[in-house]
Amino acid sequence: MAQEEGGSLSEARARVGALHGITDLAQKLLFYDRWALDYDQDVAALQYRAPRLAVDCLMQALPGPPNAALILDVACGTGLVAAEVRPS
């Protein structure tokens, strides 16, 4: 895990922990609305790897070379997967 810088890692962990405790849909949506300001910072502090892992799986499933594929990301989340799949 990343080293803690100014409490950001512990704060990110606390936010994720709090999120898992919310069962009411309206409260969960409100939580995500408020978290949006810190979300990118938190996933960086947590070294969030799910987008990279998703792209690795996708690339294995493609029938041809990855650079020949057309991939449409239809607003299915944060855009982190699209950022990983985009050619550098």
Protein backbone atom coordinates (compact mmCIF):
# COMPACT_ATOMS: atom_id res chain seq x y z
CA MET A 1 0.00 0.00 0.00
CA ALA A 2 1.03 3.59 -0.44
CA GLN A 3 2.73 5.39 2.38
CA GLU A 4 0.53 7.78 4.28
CA GLU A 5 0.95 11.41 3.23
CA GLY A 6 -0.78 13.98 5.38
CA GLY A 7 -3.40 11.47 6.49
CA SER A 8 -4.70 10.93 2.95
CA LEU A 9 -4.31 7.14 3.08
CA SER A 10 -6.06 6.82 6.44
CA GLU A 11 -8.79 9.21 5.28
CA ALA A 12 -9.28 7.22 2.06
CA ARG A 13 -9.51 3.98 4.03
CA ALA A 14 -12.03 5.58 6.39
CA ARG A 15 -14.20 6.76 3.48
CA VAL A 16 -14.21 3.31 1.87
CA GLY A 17 -15.01 1.72 5.22
CA ALA A 18 -17.87 4.15 5.77
CA LEU A 19 -19.23 3.45 2.29
CA HIS A 20 -19.47 -0.28 2.97
CA GLY A 21 -21.64 0.43 6.01
CA ILE A 22 -24.29 2.37 4.08
CA THR A 23 -27.26 0.24 3.02
CA ASP A 24 -29.82 2.95 2.23
CA LEU A 25 -29.71 3.85 -1.48
CA ALA A 26 -30.39 7.57 -0.98
CA GLN A 27 -27.64 7.78 1.64
CA LYS A 28 -25.23 5.88 -0.62
CA LEU A 29 -25.93 8.24 -3.53
CA LEU A 30 -25.38 11.24 -1.26
CA PHE A 31 -22.12 9.70 -0.04
CA TYR A 32 -20.86 9.26 -3.63
CA ASP A 33 -21.88 12.82 -4.51
CA ARG A 34 -19.83 14.14 -1.61
CA TRP A 35 -16.92 11.74 -2.25
CA ALA A 36 -16.56 12.90 -5.87
CA LEU A 37 -14.32 15.79 -4.79
CA ASP A 38 -11.76 13.44 -3.20
CA TYR A 39 -12.33 10.26 -5.23
CA ASP A 40 -9.34 10.53 -7.60
CA GLN A 41 -7.02 11.40 -4.72
CA ASP A 42 -8.35 8.49 -2.67
CA VAL A 43 -8.00 5.85 -5.39
CA ALA A 44 -4.43 7.04 -5.99
CA ALA A 45 -3.62 6.81 -2.26
CA LEU A 46 -5.14 3.32 -2.13
CA GLN A 47 -3.24 2.25 -5.27
CA TYR A 48 -6.56 1.15 -6.80
CA ARG A 49 -5.74 -1.48 -9.43
CA ALA A 50 -9.16 -2.67 -10.59
CA PRO A 51 -9.16 -0.59 -13.81
CA ARG A 52 -5.78 -2.04 -14.88
CA LEU A 53 -6.92 -5.57 -14.01
CA ALA A 54 -10.12 -5.07 -16.01
CA VAL A 55 -8.14 -3.94 -19.06
CA ASP A 56 -5.75 -6.88 -18.73
CA CYS A 57 -8.75 -9.26 -18.81
CA LEU A 58 -10.28 -7.39 -21.74
CA MET A 59 -7.06 -7.59 -23.74
CA GLN A 60 -6.87 -11.35 -23.20
CA ALA A 61 -10.43 -11.73 -24.49
CA LEU A 62 -9.91 -9.79 -27.73
CA PRO A 63 -9.71 -11.98 -30.84
CA GLY A 64 -6.94 -9.97 -32.47
CA PRO A 65 -4.23 -7.47 -31.63
CA PRO A 66 -5.37 -4.95 -29.01
CA ASN A 67 -4.46 -1.96 -31.16
CA ALA A 68 -6.92 -3.20 -33.83
CA ALA A 69 -9.89 -3.24 -31.45
CA LEU A 70 -12.57 -0.58 -31.25
CA ILE A 71 -13.76 -0.25 -27.67
CA LEU A 72 -16.71 1.85 -26.58
CA ASP A 73 -16.85 2.93 -22.93
CA VAL A 74 -20.49 3.86 -22.42
CA ALA A 75 -20.41 5.98 -19.28
CA CYS A 76 -20.09 2.93 -17.06
CA GLY A 77 -18.28 4.55 -14.18
CA THR A 78 -15.40 6.85 -13.43
CA GLY A 79 -13.53 6.62 -16.74
CA LEU A 80 -10.54 4.97 -15.08
CA VAL A 81 -10.84 1.88 -17.30
CA ALA A 82 -11.06 4.01 -20.44
CA ALA A 83 -7.92 5.85 -19.32
CA GLU A 84 -6.10 2.53 -18.99
CA VAL A 85 -7.25 1.19 -22.37
CA ARG A 86 -6.48 4.39 -24.28
CA PRO A 87 -3.28 4.18 -26.35
CA SER A 88 -0.40 6.05 -24.75
